[in-house]
Amino acid sequence: MSTFQGALRHVCSMPKRCMKVDVDPATKTAYVLAVEGPEGFADSSAQLLAGASPEDTYVVTVNLTGEPDPTIVLDAGDKLDGAYQLALDGRGNAFSGLLTEDGMVRATFASKSVTKVNCPVRQPYSVALSATRDALFTMERTTGRLYKLTLTGEGMLDDTFPAIGAAKNWYDGLRVDGSAAYAVKDLAEIWRVDLTGHTVSAVPWKASSTRLAAVQPSGAGTLFVLDQTTLWELDLSSGKPTKLADVPGGHAEDLVLDGADLYIVTFDREMYGYGVGAGRASG
């Protein structure tokens, strides 16, 4: 059952500017990768991708079953600077690609430690867990080539997926369900990688001209699409988009699906929830 009953609702205000979000379904806790930057660092995380540097990077947790109570669990002293993504393994760890160098890190929350991962992939920039959370996927930043890794991020399980093609800037926002991986190219295009057929295809998208922020497969034949200002649902069979809600502020950054609810974070330090109904896959 959805907490939000098909409407966009404010969950909480965050202590820092939000970039990425993932949910631990076992504990019903959202983990948000957040930053604090210098004066003028106020547009969106696209500034980071274009080369701007935040002063500090954090992970903030939000309780999704009671009072939200945003809590910083990793702060600027925990060596997270340069991290850009958050993929929870359900075992107390999160993986992130790096903006500042060619590499991947693993954050372990119990010990408040961040360690470099000896990842065999070049530019392991965007990361996501498999739908069953038994493997880690990563996509190269500029080629769009998908790789399947062990849960440690240090062993290769599958490197036979074709590259989508050179990006002008980058691929971002990797999300994976049971049959496919989805990513955003150059903040404007949506691409799909078939995990069984090992093929790539463009997902038609013309509903808005605003830069794309993130996508999230629903597990029910549709794709949730977030641009800077609007949440959409795209029917993958017909290509028909449906507008679900306006997101206040114009700086939407990421979304994740947890059962019947979507959670959206914005660079304006806000988190929102949207009820999508039962029978959906968790992010």
C-alpha atoms as a PDB file:
ATOM      1  CA  MET A   1       0.000   0.000   0.000  1.00  0.00           C
ATOM      2  CA  SER A   2       1.272   3.440  -0.891  1.00  0.00           C
ATOM      3  CA  THR A   3       2.005   5.949   1.813  1.00  0.00           C
ATOM      4  CA  PHE A   4       1.251   8.845  -0.529  1.00  0.00           C
ATOM      5  CA  GLN A   5      -1.884   7.653  -2.407  1.00  0.00           C
ATOM      6  CA  GLY A   6      -0.870   8.801  -5.874  1.00  0.00           C
ATOM      7  CA  ALA A   7       0.153  12.334  -4.966  1.00  0.00           C
ATOM      8  CA  LEU A   8       3.423  14.213  -4.582  1.00  0.00           C
ATOM      9  CA  ARG A   9       3.980  14.941  -0.900  1.00  0.00           C
ATOM     10  CA  HIS A  10       6.833  16.620   0.930  1.00  0.00           C
ATOM     11  CA  VAL A  11       8.730  14.119   3.094  1.00  0.00           C
ATOM     12  CA  CYS A  12      11.381  16.330   4.687  1.00  0.00           C
ATOM     13  CA  SER A  13      13.936  19.068   4.191  1.00  0.00           C
ATOM     14  CA  MET A  14      17.540  17.885   4.031  1.00  0.00           C
ATOM     15  CA  PRO A  15      20.601  19.410   5.703  1.00  0.00           C
ATOM     16  CA  LYS A  16      22.602  19.475   2.432  1.00  0.00           C
ATOM     17  CA  ARG A  17      22.044  19.683  -1.329  1.00  0.00           C
ATOM     18  CA  CYS A  18      20.878  16.288  -2.610  1.00  0.00           C
ATOM     19  CA  MET A  19      22.358  14.500  -5.629  1.00  0.00           C
ATOM     20  CA  LYS A  20      21.477  10.794  -5.518  1.00  0.00           C
ATOM     21  CA  VAL A  21      19.185   8.504  -3.537  1.00  0.00           C
ATOM     22  CA  ASP A  22      18.796   4.781  -2.941  1.00  0.00           C
ATOM     23  CA  VAL A  23      16.641   2.809  -0.499  1.00  0.00           C
ATOM     24  CA  ASP A  24      17.489  -0.146   1.737  1.00  0.00           C
ATOM     25  CA  PRO A  25      14.237  -2.162   1.479  1.00  0.00           C
ATOM     26  CA  ALA A  26      15.085  -4.256   4.553  1.00  0.00           C
ATOM     27  CA  THR A  27      15.242  -1.288   6.904  1.00  0.00           C
ATOM     28  CA  LYS A  28      12.984   1.073   4.916  1.00  0.00           C
ATOM     29  CA  THR A  29      15.684   3.714   5.044  1.00  0.00           C
ATOM     30  CA  ALA A  30      16.607   6.127   2.257  1.00  0.00           C
ATOM     31  CA  TYR A  31      20.287   6.982   1.798  1.00  0.00           C
ATOM     32  CA  VAL A  32      20.992  10.301   0.103  1.00  0.00           C
ATOM     33  CA  LEU A  33      24.322  11.394  -1.365  1.00  0.00           C
ATOM     34  CA  ALA A  34      24.533  15.113  -0.674  1.00  0.00           C
ATOM     35  CA  VAL A  35      27.009  17.954  -1.075  1.00  0.00           C
ATOM     36  CA  GLU A  36      27.812  21.386   0.228  1.00  0.00           C
ATOM     37  CA  GLY A  37      29.513  23.798  -2.125  1.00  0.00           C
ATOM     38  CA  PRO A  38      31.015  27.261  -2.284  1.00  0.00           C
ATOM     39  CA  GLU A  39      29.015  30.440  -2.815  1.00  0.00           C
ATOM     40  CA  GLY A  40      27.240  30.313  -6.177  1.00  0.00           C
ATOM     41  CA  PHE A  41      27.107  26.528  -6.157  1.00  0.00           C
ATOM     42  CA  ALA A  42      23.333  26.476  -6.323  1.00  0.00           C
ATOM     43  CA  ASP A  43      22.105  25.382  -9.742  1.00  0.00           C
ATOM     44  CA  SER A  44      22.106  21.588  -9.839  1.00  0.00           C
ATOM     45  CA  SER A  45      24.399  18.590  -9.770  1.00  0.00           C
ATOM     46  CA  ALA A  46      25.038  19.206 -13.473  1.00  0.00           C
ATOM     47  CA  GLN A  47      27.610  21.699 -12.210  1.00  0.00           C
ATOM     48  CA  LEU A  48      29.503  18.778 -10.712  1.00  0.00           C
ATOM     49  CA  LEU A  49      29.411  16.833 -13.928  1.00  0.00           C
ATOM     50  CA  ALA A  50      30.691  19.868 -15.808  1.00  0.00           C
ATOM     51  CA  GLY A  51      33.694  20.093 -13.501  1.00  0.00           C
ATOM     52  CA  ALA A  52      32.639  22.189 -10.506  1.00  0.00           C
ATOM     53  CA  SER A  53      33.913  20.914  -7.173  1.00  0.00           C
ATOM     54  CA  PRO A  54      31.798  20.686  -4.015  1.00  0.00           C
ATOM     55  CA  GLU A  55      33.510  21.568  -0.781  1.00  0.00           C
ATOM     56  CA  ASP A  56      32.195  18.515   1.093  1.00  0.00           C
ATOM     57  CA  THR A  57      30.268  15.297   0.403  1.00  0.00           C
ATOM     58  CA  TYR A  58      27.899  13.529   2.811  1.00  0.00           C
ATOM     59  CA  VAL A  59      25.510  10.586   3.141  1.00  0.00           C
ATOM     60  CA  VAL A  60      22.219  11.382   4.875  1.00  0.00           C
ATOM     61  CA  THR A  61      19.710   8.743   6.012  1.00  0.00           C
ATOM     62  CA  VAL A  62      15.937   9.250   6.139  1.00  0.00           C
ATOM     63  CA  ASN A  63      13.531   6.945   7.979  1.00  0.00           C
ATOM     64  CA  LEU A  64      10.666   6.090   5.595  1.00  0.00           C
ATOM     65  CA  THR A  65       8.303   4.455   8.096  1.00  0.00           C
ATOM     66  CA  GLY A  66       7.984   7.076  10.833  1.00  0.00           C
ATOM     67  CA  GLU A  67       9.363  10.529  11.481  1.00  0.00           C
ATOM     68  CA  PRO A  68      11.883  11.161   8.661  1.00  0.00           C
ATOM     69  CA  ASP A  69      14.592  12.685  10.917  1.00  0.00           C
ATOM     70  CA  PRO A  70      17.371  13.230   8.313  1.00  0.00           C
ATOM     71  CA  THR A  71      20.669  12.125   9.853  1.00  0.00           C
ATOM     72  CA  ILE A  72      24.181  12.585   8.486  1.00  0.00           C
ATOM     73  CA  VAL A  73      25.904   9.179   8.737  1.00  0.00           C
ATOM     74  CA  LEU A  74      29.018   9.986   6.668  1.00  0.00           C
ATOM     75  CA  ASP A  75      30.385  13.500   6.615  1.00  0.00           C
ATOM     76  CA  ALA A  76      33.119  15.572   5.070  1.00  0.00           C
ATOM     77  CA  GLY A  77      35.799  13.892   7.159  1.00  0.00           C
ATOM     78  CA  ASP A  78      34.996  10.416   5.851  1.00  0.00           C
ATOM     79  CA  LYS A  79      36.782  10.662   2.469  1.00  0.00           C
ATOM     80  CA  LEU A  80      33.671  10.702   0.276  1.00  0.00           C
ATOM     81  CA  ASP A  81      34.679  13.700  -1.805  1.00  0.00           C
ATOM     82  CA  GLY A  82      34.346  12.955  -5.501  1.00  0.00           C
ATOM     83  CA  ALA A  83      31.644  10.317  -5.034  1.00  0.00           C
ATOM     84  CA  TYR A  84      28.761  10.571  -7.491  1.00  0.00           C
ATOM     85  CA  GLN A  85      26.131   7.833  -7.210  1.00  0.00           C
ATOM     86  CA  LEU A  86      24.865   5.620  -4.435  1.00  0.00           C
ATOM     87  CA  ALA A  87      24.111   1.910  -4.823  1.00  0.00           C
ATOM     88  CA  LEU A  88      23.228   0.042  -1.615  1.00  0.00           C
ATOM     89  CA  ASP A  89      24.063  -3.659  -1.406  1.00  0.00           C
ATOM     90  CA  GLY A  90      21.639  -4.368   1.480  1.00  0.00           C
ATOM     91  CA  ARG A  91      24.576  -5.449   3.629  1.00  0.00           C
ATOM     92  CA  GLY A  92      25.522  -2.114   5.096  1.00  0.00           C
ATOM     93  CA  ASN A  93      27.630  -0.882   2.170  1.00  0.00           C
ATOM     94  CA  ALA A  94      27.134   1.594  -0.671  1.00  0.00           C
ATOM     95  CA  PHE A  95      29.104   1.860  -3.916  1.00  0.00           C
ATOM     96  CA  SER A  96      29.854   5.023  -5.839  1.00  0.00           C
ATOM     97  CA  GLY A  97      31.727   6.010  -8.946  1.00  0.00           C
ATOM     98  CA  LEU A  98      34.037   9.001  -8.710  1.00  0.00           C
ATOM     99  CA  LEU A  99      33.861  12.365 -10.422  1.00  0.00           C
ATOM    100  CA  THR A 100      37.438  13.290  -9.745  1.00  0.00           C
ATOM    101  CA  GLU A 101      39.260  10.169 -10.918  1.00  0.00           C
ATOM    102  CA  ASP A 102      38.833   6.860 -12.706  1.00  0.00           C
ATOM    103  CA  GLY A 103      37.633   4.618  -9.898  1.00  0.00           C
ATOM    104  CA  MET A 104      35.021   3.338  -7.485  1.00  0.00           C
ATOM    105  CA  VAL A 105      34.658   3.485  -3.708  1.00  0.00           C
ATOM    106  CA  ARG A 106      32.754   1.457  -1.126  1.00  0.00           C
ATOM    107  CA  ALA A 107      31.311   3.152   1.964  1.00  0.00           C
ATOM    108  CA  THR A 108      30.669   0.905   4.999  1.00  0.00           C
ATOM    109  CA  PHE A 109      28.265   2.589   7.371  1.00  0.00           C
ATOM    110  CA  ALA A 110      28.893   0.550  10.533  1.00  0.00           C
ATOM    111  CA  SER A 111      32.579   1.453  10.566  1.00  0.00           C
ATOM    112  CA  LYS A 112      32.109   4.848   8.872  1.00  0.00           C
ATOM    113  CA  SER A 113      34.853   3.933   6.424  1.00  0.00           C
ATOM    114  CA  VAL A 114      35.332   4.649   2.723  1.00  0.00           C
ATOM    115  CA  THR A 115      37.727   2.435   0.763  1.00  0.00           C
ATOM    116  CA  LYS A 116      38.865   2.375  -2.863  1.00  0.00           C
ATOM    117  CA  VAL A 117      37.548  -0.577  -4.872  1.00  0.00           C
ATOM    118  CA  ASN A 118      39.936  -2.387  -7.195  1.00  0.00           C
ATOM    119  CA  CYS A 119      37.379  -2.276 -10.015  1.00  0.00           C
ATOM    120  CA  PRO A 120      38.344  -3.917 -13.350  1.00  0.00           C
ATOM    121  CA  VAL A 121      36.255  -1.419 -15.356  1.00  0.00           C
ATOM    122  CA  ARG A 122      37.548   1.849 -16.758  1.00  0.00           C
ATOM    123  CA  GLN A 123      35.385   4.843 -15.789  1.00  0.00           C
ATOM    124  CA  PRO A 124      32.995   2.891 -13.496  1.00  0.00           C
ATOM    125  CA  TYR A 125      30.985   6.053 -13.134  1.00  0.00           C
ATOM    126  CA  SER A 126      27.322   5.150 -12.788  1.00  0.00           C
ATOM    127  CA  VAL A 127      26.549   2.160 -10.537  1.00  0.00           C
ATOM    128  CA  ALA A 128      23.451   0.163  -9.566  1.00  0.00           C
ATOM    129  CA  LEU A 129      22.596  -3.093  -7.851  1.00  0.00           C
ATOM    130  CA  SER A 130      20.792  -5.847  -9.706  1.00  0.00           C
ATOM    131  CA  ALA A 131      17.080  -6.258  -8.972  1.00  0.00           C
ATOM    132  CA  THR A 132      17.900  -9.226  -6.712  1.00  0.00           C
ATOM    133  CA  ARG A 133      20.818  -7.341  -5.106  1.00  0.00           C
ATOM    134  CA  ASP A 134      23.242 -10.173  -5.832  1.00  0.00           C
ATOM    135  CA  ALA A 135      25.411  -8.338  -8.379  1.00  0.00           C
ATOM    136  CA  LEU A 136      26.678  -4.845  -9.097  1.00  0.00           C
ATOM    137  CA  PHE A 137      26.289  -3.147 -12.479  1.00  0.00           C
ATOM    138  CA  THR A 138      28.346  -0.232 -13.726  1.00  0.00           C
ATOM    139  CA  MET A 139      28.320   1.782 -16.944  1.00  0.00           C
ATOM    140  CA  GLU A 140      31.345   3.527 -18.404  1.00  0.00           C
ATOM    141  CA  ARG A 141      30.958   7.273 -18.297  1.00  0.00           C
ATOM    142  CA  THR A 142      31.624   8.097 -21.954  1.00  0.00           C
ATOM    143  CA  THR A 143      30.960   4.887 -23.940  1.00  0.00           C
ATOM    144  CA  GLY A 144      27.776   3.607 -22.308  1.00  0.00           C
ATOM    145  CA  ARG A 145      29.178   0.085 -22.029  1.00  0.00           C
ATOM    146  CA  LEU A 146      27.503  -1.922 -19.266  1.00  0.00           C
ATOM    147  CA  TYR A 147      29.365  -4.393 -17.055  1.00  0.00           C
ATOM    148  CA  LYS A 148      28.144  -6.848 -14.427  1.00  0.00           C
ATOM    149  CA  LEU A 149      30.403  -7.218 -11.384  1.00  0.00           C
ATOM    150  CA  THR A 150      30.566  -9.247  -8.188  1.00  0.00           C
ATOM    151  CA  LEU A 151      29.075  -7.631  -5.084  1.00  0.00           C
ATOM    152  CA  THR A 152      32.529  -6.446  -4.071  1.00  0.00           C
ATOM    153  CA  GLY A 153      32.889  -4.552  -7.354  1.00  0.00           C
ATOM    154  CA  GLU A 154      36.283  -6.212  -7.864  1.00  0.00           C
ATOM    155  CA  GLY A 155      35.383  -9.215 -10.051  1.00  0.00           C
ATOM    156  CA  MET A 156      33.842  -9.350 -13.521  1.00  0.00           C
ATOM    157  CA  LEU A 157      30.681 -11.433 -14.047  1.00  0.00           C
ATOM    158  CA  ASP A 158      29.743 -10.233 -17.540  1.00  0.00           C
ATOM    159  CA  ASP A 159      31.560  -7.871 -19.899  1.00  0.00           C
ATOM    160  CA  THR A 160      29.793  -8.853 -23.133  1.00  0.00           C
ATOM    161  CA  PHE A 161      27.214  -6.056 -23.310  1.00  0.00           C
ATOM    162  CA  PRO A 162      27.698  -3.768 -26.327  1.00  0.00           C
ATOM    163  CA  ALA A 163      28.512  -0.096 -25.866  1.00  0.00           C
ATOM    164  CA  ILE A 164      25.611   2.264 -26.517  1.00  0.00           C
ATOM    165  CA  GLY A 165      27.947   4.738 -28.216  1.00  0.00           C
ATOM    166  CA  ALA A 166      30.088   7.738 -27.439  1.00  0.00           C
ATOM    167  CA  ALA A 167      28.445  10.396 -25.305  1.00  0.00           C
ATOM    168  CA  LYS A 168      29.102  14.063 -25.888  1.00  0.00           C
ATOM    169  CA  ASN A 169      29.312  14.456 -22.123  1.00  0.00           C
ATOM    170  CA  TRP A 170      28.368  11.408 -20.011  1.00  0.00           C
ATOM    171  CA  TYR A 171      26.015   8.555 -19.155  1.00  0.00           C
ATOM    172  CA  ASP A 172      24.342   8.816 -15.767  1.00  0.00           C
ATOM    173  CA  GLY A 173      21.518   7.512 -13.567  1.00  0.00           C
ATOM    174  CA  LEU A 174      21.945   3.765 -14.135  1.00  0.00           C
ATOM    175  CA  ARG A 175      18.983   1.686 -12.886  1.00  0.00           C
ATOM    176  CA  VAL A 176      18.451  -2.056 -13.332  1.00  0.00           C
ATOM    177  CA  ASP A 177      15.404  -4.317 -13.153  1.00  0.00           C
ATOM    178  CA  GLY A 178      15.075  -8.039 -13.861  1.00  0.00           C
ATOM    179  CA  SER A 179      15.350  -7.739 -17.628  1.00  0.00           C
ATOM    180  CA  ALA A 180      17.112  -4.502 -18.531  1.00  0.00           C
ATOM    181  CA  ALA A 181      19.344  -1.651 -17.483  1.00  0.00           C
ATOM    182  CA  TYR A 182      18.390   1.967 -18.169  1.00  0.00           C
ATOM    183  CA  ALA A 183      20.563   5.084 -18.250  1.00  0.00           C
ATOM    184  CA  VAL A 184      20.384   8.760 -19.213  1.00  0.00           C
ATOM    185  CA  LYS A 185      22.749  10.006 -21.921  1.00  0.00           C
ATOM    186  CA  ASP A 186      23.849  13.647 -21.999  1.00  0.00           C
ATOM    187  CA  LEU A 187      20.904  14.704 -19.785  1.00  0.00           C
ATOM    188  CA  ALA A 188      18.639  14.309 -22.822  1.00  0.00           C
ATOM    189  CA  GLU A 189      18.279  10.694 -24.031  1.00  0.00           C
ATOM    190  CA  ILE A 190      17.142   7.444 -22.418  1.00  0.00           C
ATOM    191  CA  TRP A 191      18.808   4.157 -23.380  1.00  0.00           C
ATOM    192  CA  ARG A 192      18.017   0.525 -22.555  1.00  0.00           C
ATOM    193  CA  VAL A 193      20.383  -2.445 -22.363  1.00  0.00           C
ATOM    194  CA  ASP A 194      18.683  -5.859 -22.629  1.00  0.00           C
ATOM    195  CA  LEU A 195      20.272  -8.124 -20.020  1.00  0.00           C
ATOM    196  CA  THR A 196      19.282 -11.337 -21.821  1.00  0.00           C
ATOM    197  CA  GLY A 197      19.669 -10.474 -25.491  1.00  0.00           C
ATOM    198  CA  HIS A 198      22.674  -8.204 -24.875  1.00  0.00           C
ATOM    199  CA  THR A 199      21.323  -5.502 -27.190  1.00  0.00           C
ATOM    200  CA  VAL A 200      20.967  -1.747 -26.763  1.00  0.00           C
ATOM    201  CA  SER A 201      18.098   0.477 -27.886  1.00  0.00           C
ATOM    202  CA  ALA A 202      16.924   4.042 -27.481  1.00  0.00           C
ATOM    203  CA  VAL A 203      13.795   4.628 -25.412  1.00  0.00           C
ATOM    204  CA  PRO A 204      11.658   7.225 -27.229  1.00  0.00           C
ATOM    205  CA  TRP A 205      11.385  10.430 -25.235  1.00  0.00           C
ATOM    206  CA  LYS A 206       9.952  13.742 -26.434  1.00  0.00           C
ATOM    207  CA  ALA A 207       7.628  14.697 -23.591  1.00  0.00           C
ATOM    208  CA  SER A 208       9.780  17.578 -22.368  1.00  0.00           C
ATOM    209  CA  SER A 209      12.734  19.692 -23.418  1.00  0.00           C
ATOM    210  CA  THR A 210      13.933  20.155 -19.822  1.00  0.00           C
ATOM    211  CA  ARG A 211      17.098  18.251 -18.977  1.00  0.00           C
ATOM    212  CA  LEU A 212      16.524  14.689 -17.808  1.00  0.00           C
ATOM    213  CA  ALA A 213      17.563  13.922 -14.246  1.00  0.00           C
ATOM    214  CA  ALA A 214      16.844  10.217 -13.722  1.00  0.00           C
ATOM    215  CA  VAL A 215      14.840   7.159 -14.741  1.00  0.00           C
ATOM    216  CA  GLN A 216      13.440   4.264 -12.724  1.00  0.00           C
ATOM    217  CA  PRO A 217      11.916   1.040 -14.115  1.00  0.00           C
ATOM    218  CA  SER A 218       8.618   0.159 -12.471  1.00  0.00           C
ATOM    219  CA  GLY A 219       8.604  -3.611 -12.853  1.00  0.00           C
ATOM    220  CA  ALA A 220       5.219  -3.262 -14.569  1.00  0.00           C
ATOM    221  CA  GLY A 221       6.074  -2.319 -18.158  1.00  0.00           C
ATOM    222  CA  THR A 222       6.558   1.370 -17.540  1.00  0.00           C
ATOM    223  CA  LEU A 223       9.468   3.670 -16.818  1.00  0.00           C
ATOM    224  CA  PHE A 224       9.330   6.571 -14.402  1.00  0.00           C
ATOM    225  CA  VAL A 225      11.151   9.574 -15.847  1.00  0.00           C
ATOM    226  CA  LEU A 226      12.252  12.611 -13.869  1.00  0.00           C
ATOM    227  CA  ASP A 227      13.276  15.857 -15.516  1.00  0.00           C
ATOM    228  CA  GLN A 228      14.229  18.998 -13.618  1.00  0.00           C
ATOM    229  CA  THR A 229      10.646  20.012 -12.964  1.00  0.00           C
ATOM    230  CA  THR A 230       8.330  17.066 -13.623  1.00  0.00           C
ATOM    231  CA  LEU A 231       7.703  13.400 -12.790  1.00  0.00           C
ATOM    232  CA  TRP A 232       6.445  11.294 -15.709  1.00  0.00           C
ATOM    233  CA  GLU A 233       5.438   7.689 -16.369  1.00  0.00           C
ATOM    234  CA  LEU A 234       6.343   6.303 -19.788  1.00  0.00           C
ATOM    235  CA  ASP A 235       4.544   3.266 -21.209  1.00  0.00           C
ATOM    236  CA  LEU A 236       7.349   1.214 -22.765  1.00  0.00           C
ATOM    237  CA  SER A 237       5.030  -0.591 -25.175  1.00  0.00           C
ATOM    238  CA  SER A 238       3.234   2.409 -26.655  1.00  0.00           C
ATOM    239  CA  GLY A 239       5.815   5.122 -25.952  1.00  0.00           C
ATOM    240  CA  LYS A 240       3.054   7.225 -24.407  1.00  0.00           C
ATOM    241  CA  PRO A 241       4.156   9.538 -21.554  1.00  0.00           C
ATOM    242  CA  THR A 242       1.828  10.540 -18.723  1.00  0.00           C
ATOM    243  CA  LYS A 243       2.568  13.523 -16.509  1.00  0.00           C
ATOM    244  CA  LEU A 244       2.256  12.540 -12.846  1.00  0.00           C
ATOM    245  CA  ALA A 245       3.343  15.610 -10.878  1.00  0.00           C
ATOM    246  CA  ASP A 246       5.240  18.883 -10.894  1.00  0.00           C
ATOM    247  CA  VAL A 247       8.320  18.924  -8.659  1.00  0.00           C
ATOM    248  CA  PRO A 248       8.760  22.275  -6.866  1.00  0.00           C
ATOM    249  CA  GLY A 249      11.925  24.284  -7.313  1.00  0.00           C
ATOM    250  CA  GLY A 250      13.039  23.186 -10.771  1.00  0.00           C
ATOM    251  CA  HIS A 251      16.094  21.302  -9.485  1.00  0.00           C
ATOM    252  CA  ALA A 252      14.950  17.671  -9.271  1.00  0.00           C
ATOM    253  CA  GLU A 253      17.931  15.309  -9.200  1.00  0.00           C
ATOM    254  CA  ASP A 254      17.088  11.639  -8.603  1.00  0.00           C
ATOM    255  CA  LEU A 255      14.345   9.164  -7.794  1.00  0.00           C
ATOM    256  CA  VAL A 256      14.080   5.616  -6.476  1.00  0.00           C
ATOM    257  CA  LEU A 257      11.190   3.167  -6.198  1.00  0.00           C
ATOM    258  CA  ASP A 258      10.474   1.346  -2.950  1.00  0.00           C
ATOM    259  CA  GLY A 259       7.449  -0.912  -3.311  1.00  0.00           C
ATOM    260  CA  ALA A 260       4.420   1.332  -3.884  1.00  0.00           C
ATOM    261  CA  ASP A 261       6.258   4.612  -3.397  1.00  0.00           C
ATOM    262  CA  LEU A 262       8.690   6.731  -5.375  1.00  0.00           C
ATOM    263  CA  TYR A 263      11.104   9.011  -3.546  1.00  0.00           C
ATOM    264  CA  ILE A 264      12.502  12.132  -5.233  1.00  0.00           C
ATOM    265  CA  VAL A 265      15.346  14.344  -4.049  1.00  0.00           C
ATOM    266  CA  THR A 266      16.165  17.845  -5.256  1.00  0.00           C
ATOM    267  CA  PHE A 267      19.234  20.057  -5.232  1.00  0.00           C
ATOM    268  CA  ASP A 268      17.124  22.474  -3.203  1.00  0.00           C
ATOM    269  CA  ARG A 269      17.539  20.149  -0.175  1.00  0.00           C
ATOM    270  CA  GLU A 270      14.084  18.574  -0.354  1.00  0.00           C
ATOM    271  CA  MET A 271      12.697  15.021  -0.466  1.00  0.00           C
ATOM    272  CA  TYR A 272       9.268  14.157  -1.853  1.00  0.00           C
ATOM    273  CA  GLY A 273       7.229  10.967  -2.092  1.00  0.00           C
ATOM    274  CA  TYR A 274       4.769   9.836  -4.748  1.00  0.00           C
ATOM    275  CA  GLY A 275       2.435   6.845  -4.464  1.00  0.00           C
ATOM    276  CA  VAL A 276       2.371   4.601  -7.540  1.00  0.00           C
ATOM    277  CA  GLY A 277       0.328   1.667  -6.240  1.00  0.00           C
ATOM    278  CA  ALA A 278       1.046  -1.894  -5.220  1.00  0.00           C
ATOM    279  CA  GLY A 279       2.788  -4.574  -7.271  1.00  0.00           C
ATOM    280  CA  ARG A 280       5.818  -2.505  -8.205  1.00  0.00           C
ATOM    281  CA  ALA A 281       9.441  -3.564  -7.969  1.00  0.00           C
ATOM    282  CA  SER A 282      11.704  -1.936  -5.419  1.00  0.00           C
ATOM    283  CA  GLY A 283      14.662   0.116  -6.643  1.00  0.00           C
END
